[in-house]
PDB file of all heavy atoms in Angstrom:
ATOM      1  N   HIS A   1     -45.536  19.396  -2.921  1.00  0.00           N
ATOM      2  CA  HIS A   1     -46.738  18.750  -3.451  1.00  0.00           C
ATOM      3  C   HIS A   1     -47.114  19.269  -4.833  1.00  0.00           C
ATOM      4  O   HIS A   1     -47.895  18.626  -5.546  1.00  0.00           O
ATOM      5  CB  HIS A   1     -47.896  18.919  -2.469  1.00  0.00           C
ATOM      6  CG  HIS A   1     -48.616  20.224  -2.573  1.00  0.00           C
ATOM      7  ND1 HIS A   1     -48.127  21.416  -2.052  1.00  0.00           N
ATOM      8  CD2 HIS A   1     -49.813  20.539  -3.159  1.00  0.00           C
ATOM      9  CE1 HIS A   1     -48.988  22.397  -2.292  1.00  0.00           C
ATOM     10  NE2 HIS A   1     -50.006  21.888  -2.966  1.00  0.00           N
ATOM     11  N   TYR A   2     -46.567  20.426  -5.228  1.00  0.00           N
ATOM     12  CA  TYR A   2     -46.894  20.964  -6.547  1.00  0.00           C
ATOM     13  C   TYR A   2     -46.327  20.086  -7.666  1.00  0.00           C
ATOM     14  O   TYR A   2     -46.836  20.107  -8.788  1.00  0.00           O
ATOM     15  CB  TYR A   2     -46.356  22.384  -6.691  1.00  0.00           C
ATOM     16  CG  TYR A   2     -47.016  23.370  -5.764  1.00  0.00           C
ATOM     17  CD1 TYR A   2     -46.356  23.805  -4.611  1.00  0.00           C
ATOM     18  CD2 TYR A   2     -48.296  23.864  -6.008  1.00  0.00           C
ATOM     19  CE1 TYR A   2     -46.946  24.711  -3.741  1.00  0.00           C
ATOM     20  CE2 TYR A   2     -48.900  24.767  -5.148  1.00  0.00           C
ATOM     21  CZ  TYR A   2     -48.221  25.185  -4.017  1.00  0.00           C
ATOM     22  OH  TYR A   2     -48.814  26.077  -3.159  1.00  0.00           O
ATOM     23  N   TYR A   3     -45.306  19.298  -7.364  1.00  0.00           N
ATOM     24  CA  TYR A   3     -44.693  18.431  -8.367  1.00  0.00           C
ATOM     25  C   TYR A   3     -45.670  17.338  -8.825  1.00  0.00           C
ATOM     26  O   TYR A   3     -45.665  16.936  -9.992  1.00  0.00           O
ATOM     27  CB  TYR A   3     -43.423  17.807  -7.796  1.00  0.00           C
ATOM     28  CG  TYR A   3     -42.545  17.107  -8.807  1.00  0.00           C
ATOM     29  CD1 TYR A   3     -41.606  17.814  -9.552  1.00  0.00           C
ATOM     30  CD2 TYR A   3     -42.643  15.727  -9.017  1.00  0.00           C
ATOM     31  CE1 TYR A   3     -40.783  17.172 -10.475  1.00  0.00           C
ATOM     32  CE2 TYR A   3     -41.829  15.084  -9.940  1.00  0.00           C
ATOM     33  CZ  TYR A   3     -40.907  15.813 -10.665  1.00  0.00           C
ATOM     34  OH  TYR A   3     -40.101  15.176 -11.584  1.00  0.00           O
ATOM     35  N   ASP A   4     -46.492  16.849  -7.911  1.00  0.00           N
ATOM     36  CA  ASP A   4     -47.440  15.767  -8.219  1.00  0.00           C
ATOM     37  C   ASP A   4     -48.886  16.245  -8.240  1.00  0.00           C
ATOM     38  O   ASP A   4     -49.809  15.429  -8.219  1.00  0.00           O
ATOM     39  CB  ASP A   4     -47.295  14.647  -7.175  1.00  0.00           C
ATOM     40  CG  ASP A   4     -45.900  14.041  -7.178  1.00  0.00           C
ATOM     41  OD1 ASP A   4     -45.458  13.592  -8.250  1.00  0.00           O
ATOM     42  OD2 ASP A   4     -45.254  14.026  -6.104  1.00  0.00           O
ATOM     43  N   LEU A   5     -49.076  17.547  -8.282  1.00  0.00           N
ATOM     44  CA  LEU A   5     -50.432  18.084  -8.169  1.00  0.00           C
ATOM     45  C   LEU A   5     -51.310  17.691  -9.351  1.00  0.00           C
ATOM     46  O   LEU A   5     -52.520  17.482  -9.204  1.00  0.00           O
ATOM     47  CB  LEU A   5     -50.359  19.611  -8.040  1.00  0.00           C
ATOM     48  CG  LEU A   5     -51.646  20.339  -7.656  1.00  0.00           C
ATOM     49  CD1 LEU A   5     -52.168  19.856  -6.307  1.00  0.00           C
ATOM     50  CD2 LEU A   5     -51.396  21.858  -7.614  1.00  0.00           C
ATOM     51  N   TYR A   6     -50.723  17.571 -10.524  1.00  0.00           N
ATOM     52  CA  TYR A   6     -51.496  17.232 -11.721  1.00  0.00           C
ATOM     53  C   TYR A   6     -50.990  15.909 -12.302  1.00  0.00           C
ATOM     54  O   TYR A   6     -49.773  15.695 -12.412  1.00  0.00           O
ATOM     55  CB  TYR A   6     -51.366  18.346 -12.765  1.00  0.00           C
ATOM     56  CG  TYR A   6     -52.003  19.640 -12.317  1.00  0.00           C
ATOM     57  CD1 TYR A   6     -51.224  20.621 -11.676  1.00  0.00           C
ATOM     58  CD2 TYR A   6     -53.358  19.879 -12.480  1.00  0.00           C
ATOM     59  CE1 TYR A   6     -51.802  21.805 -11.249  1.00  0.00           C
ATOM     60  CE2 TYR A   6     -53.937  21.061 -12.046  1.00  0.00           C
ATOM     61  CZ  TYR A   6     -53.160  22.019 -11.431  1.00  0.00           C
ATOM     62  OH  TYR A   6     -53.736  23.190 -10.995  1.00  0.00           O
ATOM     63  N   ASP A   7     -51.924  15.040 -12.657  1.00  0.00           N
ATOM     64  CA  ASP A   7     -51.605  13.736 -13.225  1.00  0.00           C
ATOM     65  C   ASP A   7     -51.397  13.883 -14.727  1.00  0.00           C
ATOM     66  O   ASP A   7     -52.310  14.329 -15.437  1.00  0.00           O
ATOM     67  CB  ASP A   7     -52.754  12.766 -12.949  1.00  0.00           C
ATOM     68  CG  ASP A   7     -52.429  11.336 -13.362  1.00  0.00           C
ATOM     69  OD1 ASP A   7     -51.494  11.134 -14.161  1.00  0.00           O
ATOM     70  OD2 ASP A   7     -53.150  10.420 -12.908  1.00  0.00           O
ATOM     71  N   PRO A   8     -50.226  13.522 -15.244  1.00  0.00           N
ATOM     72  CA  PRO A   8     -50.005  13.645 -16.689  1.00  0.00           C
ATOM     73  C   PRO A   8     -51.053  12.908 -17.524  1.00  0.00           C
ATOM     74  O   PRO A   8     -51.346  13.324 -18.655  1.00  0.00           O
ATOM     75  CB  PRO A   8     -48.613  13.026 -16.879  1.00  0.00           C
ATOM     76  CG  PRO A   8     -47.937  13.218 -15.564  1.00  0.00           C
ATOM     77  CD  PRO A   8     -49.013  13.069 -14.535  1.00  0.00           C
ATOM     78  N   ASP A   9     -51.618  11.828 -16.974  1.00  0.00           N
ATOM     79  CA  ASP A   9     -52.635  11.084 -17.729  1.00  0.00           C
ATOM     80  C   ASP A   9     -53.898  11.899 -17.952  1.00  0.00           C
ATOM     81  O   ASP A   9     -54.704  11.576 -18.840  1.00  0.00           O
ATOM     82  CB  ASP A   9     -52.991   9.787 -17.002  1.00  0.00           C
ATOM     83  CG  ASP A   9     -51.851   8.777 -17.016  1.00  0.00           C
ATOM     84  OD1 ASP A   9     -50.972   8.908 -17.880  1.00  0.00           O
ATOM     85  OD2 ASP A   9     -51.843   7.879 -16.149  1.00  0.00           O
ATOM     86  N   ASP A  10     -54.077  12.962 -17.160  1.00  0.00           N
ATOM     87  CA  ASP A  10     -55.262  13.813 -17.304  1.00  0.00           C
ATOM     88  C   ASP A  10     -55.026  14.979 -18.262  1.00  0.00           C
ATOM     89  O   ASP A  10     -55.939  15.782 -18.482  1.00  0.00           O
ATOM     90  CB  ASP A  10     -55.674  14.376 -15.937  1.00  0.00           C
ATOM     91  CG  ASP A  10     -56.118  13.293 -14.966  1.00  0.00           C
ATOM     92  OD1 ASP A  10     -56.567  12.232 -15.440  1.00  0.00           O
ATOM     93  OD2 ASP A  10     -55.998  13.505 -13.747  1.00  0.00           O
ATOM     94  N   ILE A  11     -53.829  15.087 -18.803  1.00  0.00           N
ATOM     95  CA  ILE A  11     -53.462  16.247 -19.623  1.00  0.00           C
ATOM     96  C   ILE A  11     -53.707  15.952 -21.098  1.00  0.00           C
ATOM     97  O   ILE A  11     -53.069  15.056 -21.675  1.00  0.00           O
ATOM     98  CB  ILE A  11     -51.981  16.622 -19.415  1.00  0.00           C
ATOM     99  CG1 ILE A  11     -51.676  16.868 -17.932  1.00  0.00           C
ATOM    100  CG2 ILE A  11     -51.620  17.835 -20.265  1.00  0.00           C
ATOM    101  CD1 ILE A  11     -52.420  18.031 -17.326  1.00  0.00           C
ATOM    102  N   PRO A  12     -54.607  16.656 -21.747  1.00  0.00           N
ATOM    103  CA  PRO A  12     -54.778  16.466 -23.195  1.00  0.00           C
ATOM    104  C   PRO A  12     -53.649  17.152 -23.961  1.00  0.00           C
ATOM    105  O   PRO A  12     -53.123  18.176 -23.535  1.00  0.00           O
ATOM    106  CB  PRO A  12     -56.124  17.138 -23.484  1.00  0.00           C
ATOM    107  CG  PRO A  12     -56.248  18.191 -22.420  1.00  0.00           C
ATOM    108  CD  PRO A  12     -55.555  17.634 -21.203  1.00  0.00           C
ATOM    109  N   LEU A  13     -53.282  16.564 -25.082  1.00  0.00           N
ATOM    110  CA  LEU A  13     -52.266  17.172 -25.929  1.00  0.00           C
ATOM    111  C   LEU A  13     -52.901  18.215 -26.839  1.00  0.00           C
ATOM    112  O   LEU A  13     -54.086  18.111 -27.188  1.00  0.00           O
ATOM    113  CB  LEU A  13     -51.578  16.098 -26.777  1.00  0.00           C
ATOM    114  CG  LEU A  13     -50.736  15.085 -25.996  1.00  0.00           C
ATOM    115  CD1 LEU A  13     -50.283  13.960 -26.918  1.00  0.00           C
ATOM    116  CD2 LEU A  13     -49.542  15.763 -25.349  1.00  0.00           C
ATOM    117  N   PRO A  14     -52.150  19.228 -27.243  1.00  0.00           N
ATOM    118  CA  PRO A  14     -52.699  20.233 -28.166  1.00  0.00           C
ATOM    119  C   PRO A  14     -53.164  19.602 -29.475  1.00  0.00           C
ATOM    120  O   PRO A  14     -52.657  18.554 -29.904  1.00  0.00           O
ATOM    121  CB  PRO A  14     -51.509  21.173 -28.396  1.00  0.00           C
ATOM    122  CG  PRO A  14     -50.618  20.982 -27.223  1.00  0.00           C
ATOM    123  CD  PRO A  14     -50.770  19.545 -26.830  1.00  0.00           C
ATOM    124  N   GLU A  15     -54.130  20.255 -30.107  1.00  0.00           N
ATOM    125  CA  GLU A  15     -54.680  19.749 -31.369  1.00  0.00           C
ATOM    126  C   GLU A  15     -53.594  19.587 -32.437  1.00  0.00           C
ATOM    127  O   GLU A  15     -53.704  18.734 -33.323  1.00  0.00           O
ATOM    128  CB  GLU A  15     -55.764  20.695 -31.872  1.00  0.00           C
ATOM    129  CG  GLU A  15     -57.020  20.731 -31.028  1.00  0.00           C
ATOM    130  CD  GLU A  15     -57.825  19.448 -31.145  1.00  0.00           C
ATOM    131  OE1 GLU A  15     -57.752  18.803 -32.211  1.00  0.00           O
ATOM    132  OE2 GLU A  15     -58.511  19.077 -30.177  1.00  0.00           O
ATOM    133  N   SER A  16     -52.562  20.414 -32.370  1.00  0.00           N
ATOM    134  CA  SER A  16     -51.526  20.388 -33.404  1.00  0.00           C
ATOM    135  C   SER A  16     -50.373  19.449 -33.075  1.00  0.00           C
ATOM    136  O   SER A  16     -49.395  19.387 -33.821  1.00  0.00           O
ATOM    137  CB  SER A  16     -50.968  21.803 -33.621  1.00  0.00           C
ATOM    138  OG  SER A  16     -50.309  22.265 -32.445  1.00  0.00           O
ATOM    139  N   PHE A  17     -50.467  18.702 -31.973  1.00  0.00           N
ATOM    140  CA  PHE A  17     -49.323  17.912 -31.517  1.00  0.00           C
ATOM    141  C   PHE A  17     -48.825  16.942 -32.585  1.00  0.00           C
ATOM    142  O   PHE A  17     -47.617  16.754 -32.753  1.00  0.00           O
ATOM    143  CB  PHE A  17     -49.672  17.139 -30.243  1.00  0.00           C
ATOM    144  CG  PHE A  17     -48.522  16.336 -29.697  1.00  0.00           C
ATOM    145  CD1 PHE A  17     -47.528  16.936 -28.946  1.00  0.00           C
ATOM    146  CD2 PHE A  17     -48.421  14.965 -29.957  1.00  0.00           C
ATOM    147  CE1 PHE A  17     -46.452  16.199 -28.460  1.00  0.00           C
ATOM    148  CE2 PHE A  17     -47.352  14.225 -29.478  1.00  0.00           C
ATOM    149  CZ  PHE A  17     -46.365  14.847 -28.727  1.00  0.00           C
ATOM    150  N   ASP A  18     -49.732  16.324 -33.322  1.00  0.00           N
ATOM    151  CA  ASP A  18     -49.348  15.327 -34.320  1.00  0.00           C
ATOM    152  C   ASP A  18     -49.030  15.940 -35.675  1.00  0.00           C
ATOM    153  O   ASP A  18     -48.973  15.224 -36.687  1.00  0.00           O
ATOM    154  CB  ASP A  18     -50.456  14.279 -34.463  1.00  0.00           C
ATOM    155  CG  ASP A  18     -50.593  13.408 -33.215  1.00  0.00           C
ATOM    156  OD1 ASP A  18     -49.557  13.093 -32.606  1.00  0.00           O
ATOM    157  OD2 ASP A  18     -51.733  13.076 -32.845  1.00  0.00           O
ATOM    158  N   HIS A  19     -48.829  17.244 -35.713  1.00  0.00           N
ATOM    159  CA  HIS A  19     -48.377  17.937 -36.925  1.00  0.00           C
ATOM    160  C   HIS A  19     -47.044  18.623 -36.596  1.00  0.00           C
ATOM    161  O   HIS A  19     -46.955  19.844 -36.502  1.00  0.00           O
ATOM    162  CB  HIS A  19     -49.405  18.977 -37.383  1.00  0.00           C
ATOM    163  CG  HIS A  19     -50.722  18.380 -37.775  1.00  0.00           C
ATOM    164  ND1 HIS A  19     -51.638  17.932 -36.845  1.00  0.00           N
ATOM    165  CD2 HIS A  19     -51.268  18.144 -38.999  1.00  0.00           C
ATOM    166  CE1 HIS A  19     -52.699  17.451 -37.481  1.00  0.00           C
ATOM    167  NE2 HIS A  19     -52.502  17.574 -38.779  1.00  0.00           N
ATOM    168  N   PRO A  20     -45.973  17.823 -36.411  1.00  0.00           N
ATOM    169  CA  PRO A  20     -44.714  18.380 -35.900  1.00  0.00           C
ATOM    170  C   PRO A  20     -44.027  19.319 -36.883  1.00  0.00           C
ATOM    171  O   PRO A  20     -44.071  19.117 -38.102  1.00  0.00           O
ATOM    172  CB  PRO A  20     -43.857  17.145 -35.638  1.00  0.00           C
ATOM    173  CG  PRO A  20     -44.401  16.110 -36.568  1.00  0.00           C
ATOM    174  CD  PRO A  20     -45.878  16.378 -36.636  1.00  0.00           C
ATOM    175  N   THR A  21     -43.398  20.333 -36.333  1.00  0.00           N
ATOM    176  CA  THR A  21     -42.645  21.284 -37.145  1.00  0.00           C
ATOM    177  C   THR A  21     -41.568  20.583 -37.948  1.00  0.00           C
ATOM    178  O   THR A  21     -41.285  20.942 -39.102  1.00  0.00           O
ATOM    179  CB  THR A  21     -42.014  22.356 -36.236  1.00  0.00           C
ATOM    180  OG1 THR A  21     -43.047  22.990 -35.479  1.00  0.00           O
ATOM    181  CG2 THR A  21     -41.281  23.395 -37.050  1.00  0.00           C
ATOM    182  N   ALA A  22     -40.946  19.553 -37.376  1.00  0.00           N
ATOM    183  CA  ALA A  22     -39.844  18.862 -38.041  1.00  0.00           C
ATOM    184  C   ALA A  22     -40.271  18.201 -39.344  1.00  0.00           C
ATOM    185  O   ALA A  22     -39.426  17.943 -40.216  1.00  0.00           O
ATOM    186  CB  ALA A  22     -39.250  17.821 -37.102  1.00  0.00           C
ATOM    187  N   ALA A  23     -41.559  17.930 -39.499  1.00  0.00           N
ATOM    188  CA  ALA A  23     -42.034  17.264 -40.709  1.00  0.00           C
ATOM    189  C   ALA A  23     -42.394  18.247 -41.823  1.00  0.00           C
ATOM    190  O   ALA A  23     -42.710  17.825 -42.938  1.00  0.00           O
ATOM    191  CB  ALA A  23     -43.251  16.399 -40.377  1.00  0.00           C
ATOM    192  N   ARG A  24     -42.329  19.521 -41.548  1.00  0.00           N
ATOM    193  CA  ARG A  24     -42.738  20.508 -42.549  1.00  0.00           C
ATOM    194  C   ARG A  24     -41.643  20.722 -43.599  1.00  0.00           C
ATOM    195  O   ARG A  24     -40.458  20.724 -43.295  1.00  0.00           O
ATOM    196  CB  ARG A  24     -43.070  21.838 -41.862  1.00  0.00           C
ATOM    197  CG  ARG A  24     -44.338  21.783 -41.035  1.00  0.00           C
ATOM    198  CD  ARG A  24     -44.622  23.084 -40.335  1.00  0.00           C
ATOM    199  NE  ARG A  24     -44.752  24.202 -41.268  1.00  0.00           N
ATOM    200  CZ  ARG A  24     -45.105  25.431 -40.888  1.00  0.00           C
ATOM    201  NH1 ARG A  24     -45.357  25.671 -39.617  1.00  0.00           N
ATOM    202  NH2 ARG A  24     -45.200  26.394 -41.777  1.00  0.00           N
ATOM    203  N   THR A  25     -42.085  20.953 -44.805  1.00  0.00           N
ATOM    204  CA  THR A  25     -41.162  21.233 -45.913  1.00  0.00           C
ATOM    205  C   THR A  25     -41.306  22.662 -46.416  1.00  0.00           C
ATOM    206  O   THR A  25     -40.675  23.021 -47.418  1.00  0.00           O
ATOM    207  CB  THR A  25     -41.422  20.258 -47.076  1.00  0.00           C
ATOM    208  OG1 THR A  25     -42.786  20.395 -47.523  1.00  0.00           O
ATOM    209  CG2 THR A  25     -41.170  18.814 -46.644  1.00  0.00           C
ATOM    210  N   ASP A  26     -42.136  23.450 -45.746  1.00  0.00           N
ATOM    211  CA  ASP A  26     -42.403  24.816 -46.203  1.00  0.00           C
ATOM    212  C   ASP A  26     -41.734  25.862 -45.316  1.00  0.00           C
ATOM    213  O   ASP A  26     -42.211  26.985 -45.193  1.00  0.00           O
ATOM    214  CB  ASP A  26     -43.908  25.077 -46.251  1.00  0.00           C
ATOM    215  CG  ASP A  26     -44.597  24.900 -44.896  1.00  0.00           C
ATOM    216  OD1 ASP A  26     -43.982  24.274 -44.004  1.00  0.00           O
ATOM    217  OD2 ASP A  26     -45.735  25.367 -44.735  1.00  0.00           O
ATOM    218  N   LEU A  27     -40.589  25.487 -44.710  1.00  0.00           N
ATOM    219  CA  LEU A  27     -39.858  26.409 -43.843  1.00  0.00           C
ATOM    220  C   LEU A  27     -38.431  26.545 -44.344  1.00  0.00           C
ATOM    221  O   LEU A  27     -37.850  25.576 -44.870  1.00  0.00           O
ATOM    222  CB  LEU A  27     -39.844  25.902 -42.395  1.00  0.00           C
ATOM    223  CG  LEU A  27     -41.193  25.809 -41.680  1.00  0.00           C
ATOM    224  CD1 LEU A  27     -41.002  25.190 -40.301  1.00  0.00           C
ATOM    225  CD2 LEU A  27     -41.843  27.179 -41.563  1.00  0.00           C
ATOM    226  N   PRO A  28     -37.806  27.709 -44.184  1.00  0.00           N
ATOM    227  CA  PRO A  28     -36.411  27.872 -44.591  1.00  0.00           C
ATOM    228  C   PRO A  28     -35.489  27.001 -43.760  1.00  0.00           C
ATOM    229  O   PRO A  28     -35.803  26.617 -42.630  1.00  0.00           O
ATOM    230  CB  PRO A  28     -36.146  29.361 -44.367  1.00  0.00           C
ATOM    231  CG  PRO A  28     -37.184  29.805 -43.398  1.00  0.00           C
ATOM    232  CD  PRO A  28     -38.379  28.950 -43.642  1.00  0.00           C
ATOM    233  N   ALA A  29     -34.314  26.705 -44.314  1.00  0.00           N
ATOM    234  CA  ALA A  29     -33.372  25.793 -43.666  1.00  0.00           C
ATOM    235  C   ALA A  29     -32.952  26.286 -42.290  1.00  0.00           C
ATOM    236  O   ALA A  29     -32.802  25.489 -41.346  1.00  0.00           O
ATOM    237  CB  ALA A  29     -32.152  25.595 -44.560  1.00  0.00           C
ATOM    238  N   HIS A  30     -32.756  27.602 -42.140  1.00  0.00           N
ATOM    239  CA  HIS A  30     -32.302  28.090 -40.832  1.00  0.00           C
ATOM    240  C   HIS A  30     -33.362  27.885 -39.765  1.00  0.00           C
ATOM    241  O   HIS A  30     -33.042  27.701 -38.588  1.00  0.00           O
ATOM    242  CB  HIS A  30     -31.884  29.568 -40.921  1.00  0.00           C
ATOM    243  CG  HIS A  30     -33.018  30.534 -41.043  1.00  0.00           C
ATOM    244  ND1 HIS A  30     -33.408  31.089 -42.237  1.00  0.00           N
ATOM    245  CD2 HIS A  30     -33.863  31.059 -40.120  1.00  0.00           C
ATOM    246  CE1 HIS A  30     -34.412  31.912 -42.046  1.00  0.00           C
ATOM    247  NE2 HIS A  30     -34.707  31.910 -40.765  1.00  0.00           N
ATOM    248  N   MET A  31     -34.651  27.910 -40.141  1.00  0.00           N
ATOM    249  CA  MET A  31     -35.700  27.671 -39.156  1.00  0.00           C
ATOM    250  C   MET A  31     -35.717  26.203 -38.739  1.00  0.00           C
ATOM    251  O   MET A  31     -35.872  25.874 -37.555  1.00  0.00           O
ATOM    252  CB  MET A  31     -37.054  28.092 -39.726  1.00  0.00           C
ATOM    253  CG  MET A  31     -38.172  28.103 -38.710  1.00  0.00           C
ATOM    254  SD  MET A  31     -37.878  29.199 -37.297  1.00  0.00           S
ATOM    255  CE  MET A  31     -37.933  30.807 -38.092  1.00  0.00           C
ATOM    256  N   GLN A  32     -35.536  25.307 -39.683  1.00  0.00           N
ATOM    257  CA  GLN A  32     -35.443  23.894 -39.334  1.00  0.00           C
ATOM    258  C   GLN A  32     -34.224  23.631 -38.444  1.00  0.00           C
ATOM    259  O   GLN A  32     -34.263  22.788 -37.552  1.00  0.00           O
ATOM    260  CB  GLN A  32     -35.348  23.052 -40.611  1.00  0.00           C
ATOM    261  CG  GLN A  32     -36.629  23.005 -41.433  1.00  0.00           C
ATOM    262  CD  GLN A  32     -37.714  22.156 -40.780  1.00  0.00           C
ATOM    263  OE1 GLN A  32     -37.589  21.717 -39.642  1.00  0.00           O
ATOM    264  NE2 GLN A  32     -38.798  21.927 -41.511  1.00  0.00           N
ATOM    265  N   ARG A  33     -33.149  24.374 -38.696  1.00  0.00           N
ATOM    266  CA  ARG A  33     -31.938  24.191 -37.912  1.00  0.00           C
ATOM    267  C   ARG A  33     -32.143  24.510 -36.438  1.00  0.00           C
ATOM    268  O   ARG A  33     -31.547  23.881 -35.553  1.00  0.00           O
ATOM    269  CB  ARG A  33     -30.808  25.062 -38.493  1.00  0.00           C
ATOM    270  CG  ARG A  33     -29.488  24.990 -37.751  1.00  0.00           C
ATOM    271  CD  ARG A  33     -28.886  23.598 -37.762  1.00  0.00           C
ATOM    272  NE  ARG A  33     -27.640  23.543 -37.003  1.00  0.00           N
ATOM    273  CZ  ARG A  33     -27.262  22.502 -36.281  1.00  0.00           C
ATOM    274  NH1 ARG A  33     -28.010  21.413 -36.226  1.00  0.00           N
ATOM    275  NH2 ARG A  33     -26.123  22.528 -35.616  1.00  0.00           N
ATOM    276  N   VAL A  34     -33.004  25.481 -36.145  1.00  0.00           N
ATOM    277  CA  VAL A  34     -33.305  25.832 -34.758  1.00  0.00           C
ATOM    278  C   VAL A  34     -33.794  24.604 -33.998  1.00  0.00           C
ATOM    279  O   VAL A  34     -33.365  24.326 -32.867  1.00  0.00           O
ATOM    280  CB  VAL A  34     -34.353  26.963 -34.707  1.00  0.00           C
ATOM    281  CG1 VAL A  34     -34.868  27.154 -33.286  1.00  0.00           C
ATOM    282  CG2 VAL A  34     -33.773  28.266 -35.238  1.00  0.00           C
ATOM    283  N   TYR A  35     -34.690  23.832 -34.623  1.00  0.00           N
ATOM    284  CA  TYR A  35     -35.257  22.666 -33.956  1.00  0.00           C
ATOM    285  C   TYR A  35     -34.266  21.504 -33.915  1.00  0.00           C
ATOM    286  O   TYR A  35     -34.305  20.675 -32.999  1.00  0.00           O
ATOM    287  CB  TYR A  35     -36.566  22.268 -34.645  1.00  0.00           C
ATOM    288  CG  TYR A  35     -37.605  23.368 -34.540  1.00  0.00           C
ATOM    289  CD1 TYR A  35     -37.718  24.337 -35.523  1.00  0.00           C
ATOM    290  CD2 TYR A  35     -38.432  23.463 -33.426  1.00  0.00           C
ATOM    291  CE1 TYR A  35     -38.644  25.374 -35.415  1.00  0.00           C
ATOM    292  CE2 TYR A  35     -39.357  24.488 -33.309  1.00  0.00           C
ATOM    293  CZ  TYR A  35     -39.450  25.448 -34.302  1.00  0.00           C
ATOM    294  OH  TYR A  35     -40.353  26.476 -34.185  1.00  0.00           O
ATOM    295  N   GLN A  36     -33.358  21.439 -34.897  1.00  0.00           N
ATOM    296  CA  GLN A  36     -32.304  20.432 -34.857  1.00  0.00           C
ATOM    297  C   GLN A  36     -31.361  20.682 -33.682  1.00  0.00           C
ATOM    298  O   GLN A  36     -30.942  19.751 -32.993  1.00  0.00           O
ATOM    299  CB  GLN A  36     -31.533  20.434 -36.177  1.00  0.00           C
ATOM    300  CG  GLN A  36     -32.347  19.952 -37.364  1.00  0.00           C
ATOM    301  CD  GLN A  36     -31.663  20.245 -38.686  1.00  0.00           C
ATOM    302  OE1 GLN A  36     -30.516  20.704 -38.724  1.00  0.00           O
ATOM    303  NE2 GLN A  36     -32.361  20.010 -39.789  1.00  0.00           N
ATOM    304  N   ILE A  37     -31.033  21.955 -33.448  1.00  0.00           N
ATOM    305  CA  ILE A  37     -30.187  22.299 -32.304  1.00  0.00           C
ATOM    306  C   ILE A  37     -30.881  21.896 -31.013  1.00  0.00           C
ATOM    307  O   ILE A  37     -30.264  21.354 -30.089  1.00  0.00           O
ATOM    308  CB  ILE A  37     -29.867  23.802 -32.302  1.00  0.00           C
ATOM    309  CG1 ILE A  37     -29.012  24.173 -33.516  1.00  0.00           C
ATOM    310  CG2 ILE A  37     -29.136  24.197 -31.015  1.00  0.00           C
ATOM    311  CD1 ILE A  37     -28.851  25.664 -33.712  1.00  0.00           C
ATOM    312  N   GLY A  38     -32.185  22.141 -30.931  1.00  0.00           N
ATOM    313  CA  GLY A  38     -32.939  21.742 -29.755  1.00  0.00           C
ATOM    314  C   GLY A  38     -32.899  20.242 -29.519  1.00  0.00           C
ATOM    315  O   GLY A  38     -32.792  19.778 -28.369  1.00  0.00           O
ATOM    316  N   ALA A  39     -32.963  19.457 -30.594  1.00  0.00           N
ATOM    317  CA  ALA A  39     -32.885  18.006 -30.460  1.00  0.00           C
ATOM    318  C   ALA A  39     -31.521  17.572 -29.946  1.00  0.00           C
ATOM    319  O   ALA A  39     -31.400  16.592 -29.196  1.00  0.00           O
ATOM    320  CB  ALA A  39     -33.183  17.345 -31.800  1.00  0.00           C
ATOM    321  N   GLU A  40     -30.492  18.307 -30.336  1.00  0.00           N
ATOM    322  CA  GLU A  40     -29.129  17.994 -29.898  1.00  0.00           C
ATOM    323  C   GLU A  40     -28.877  18.429 -28.459  1.00  0.00           C
ATOM    324  O   GLU A  40     -28.052  17.829 -27.755  1.00  0.00           O
ATOM    325  CB  GLU A  40     -28.123  18.675 -30.819  1.00  0.00           C
ATOM    326  CG  GLU A  40     -28.183  18.186 -32.273  1.00  0.00           C
ATOM    327  CD  GLU A  40     -27.479  19.136 -33.227  1.00  0.00           C
ATOM    328  OE1 GLU A  40     -26.887  20.140 -32.743  1.00  0.00           O
ATOM    329  OE2 GLU A  40     -27.521  18.903 -34.448  1.00  0.00           O
ATOM    330  N   LYS A  41     -29.588  19.477 -28.004  1.00  0.00           N
ATOM    331  CA  LYS A  41     -29.359  20.045 -26.674  1.00  0.00           C
ATOM    332  C   LYS A  41     -30.690  20.260 -25.950  1.00  0.00           C
ATOM    333  O   LYS A  41     -31.072  21.392 -25.641  1.00  0.00           O
ATOM    334  CB  LYS A  41     -28.621  21.377 -26.791  1.00  0.00           C
ATOM    335  CG  LYS A  41     -27.274  21.284 -27.499  1.00  0.00           C
ATOM    336  CD  LYS A  41     -26.639  22.667 -27.631  1.00  0.00           C
ATOM    337  CE  LYS A  41     -25.301  22.606 -28.320  1.00  0.00           C
ATOM    338  NZ  LYS A  41     -24.684  23.959 -28.460  1.00  0.00           N
ATOM    339  N   PRO A  42     -31.430  19.181 -25.663  1.00  0.00           N
ATOM    340  CA  PRO A  42     -32.765  19.354 -25.069  1.00  0.00           C
ATOM    341  C   PRO A  42     -32.761  19.906 -23.655  1.00  0.00           C
ATOM    342  O   PRO A  42     -33.808  20.349 -23.171  1.00  0.00           O
ATOM    343  CB  PRO A  42     -33.349  17.935 -25.107  1.00  0.00           C
ATOM    344  CG  PRO A  42     -32.141  17.044 -25.087  1.00  0.00           C
ATOM    345  CD  PRO A  42     -31.104  17.779 -25.884  1.00  0.00           C
ATOM    346  N   ASP A  43     -31.610  19.886 -22.982  1.00  0.00           N
ATOM    347  CA  ASP A  43     -31.567  20.450 -21.637  1.00  0.00           C
ATOM    348  C   ASP A  43     -31.058  21.887 -21.637  1.00  0.00           C
ATOM    349  O   ASP A  43     -30.740  22.441 -20.580  1.00  0.00           O
ATOM    350  CB  ASP A  43     -30.705  19.592 -20.710  1.00  0.00           C
ATOM    351  CG  ASP A  43     -31.535  18.594 -19.916  1.00  0.00           C
ATOM    352  OD1 ASP A  43     -32.583  19.006 -19.381  1.00  0.00           O
ATOM    353  OD2 ASP A  43     -31.161  17.418 -19.851  1.00  0.00           O
ATOM    354  N   ALA A  44     -30.976  22.494 -22.825  1.00  0.00           N
ATOM    355  CA  ALA A  44     -30.585  23.902 -22.923  1.00  0.00           C
ATOM    356  C   ALA A  44     -31.858  24.753 -23.011  1.00  0.00           C
ATOM    357  O   ALA A  44     -32.780  24.561 -22.222  1.00  0.00           O
ATOM    358  CB  ALA A  44     -29.673  24.102 -24.138  1.00  0.00           C
ATOM    359  N   PHE A  45     -31.916  25.669 -23.952  1.00  0.00           N
ATOM    360  CA  PHE A  45     -33.105  26.535 -24.016  1.00  0.00           C
ATOM    361  C   PHE A  45     -33.615  26.707 -25.441  1.00  0.00           C
ATOM    362  O   PHE A  45     -34.326  27.647 -25.736  1.00  0.00           O
ATOM    363  CB  PHE A  45     -32.808  27.910 -23.394  1.00  0.00           C
ATOM    364  CG  PHE A  45     -31.467  28.481 -23.754  1.00  0.00           C
ATOM    365  CD1 PHE A  45     -31.283  29.201 -24.917  1.00  0.00           C
ATOM    366  CD2 PHE A  45     -30.382  28.271 -22.920  1.00  0.00           C
ATOM    367  CE1 PHE A  45     -30.049  29.708 -25.239  1.00  0.00           C
ATOM    368  CE2 PHE A  45     -29.128  28.786 -23.244  1.00  0.00           C
ATOM    369  CZ  PHE A  45     -28.959  29.513 -24.414  1.00  0.00           C
TER     370      PHE A  45
END
């Protein structure tokens, strides 16, 4: 029952959700690469 205990429709998103890291231009290339790897392997870590 813990799987359905909370309704996703009741969950507010963080204030920063619409300011994605991927859109930033003030980060070094290797930091952006970390998130690119995540996009390529979302079921990893």
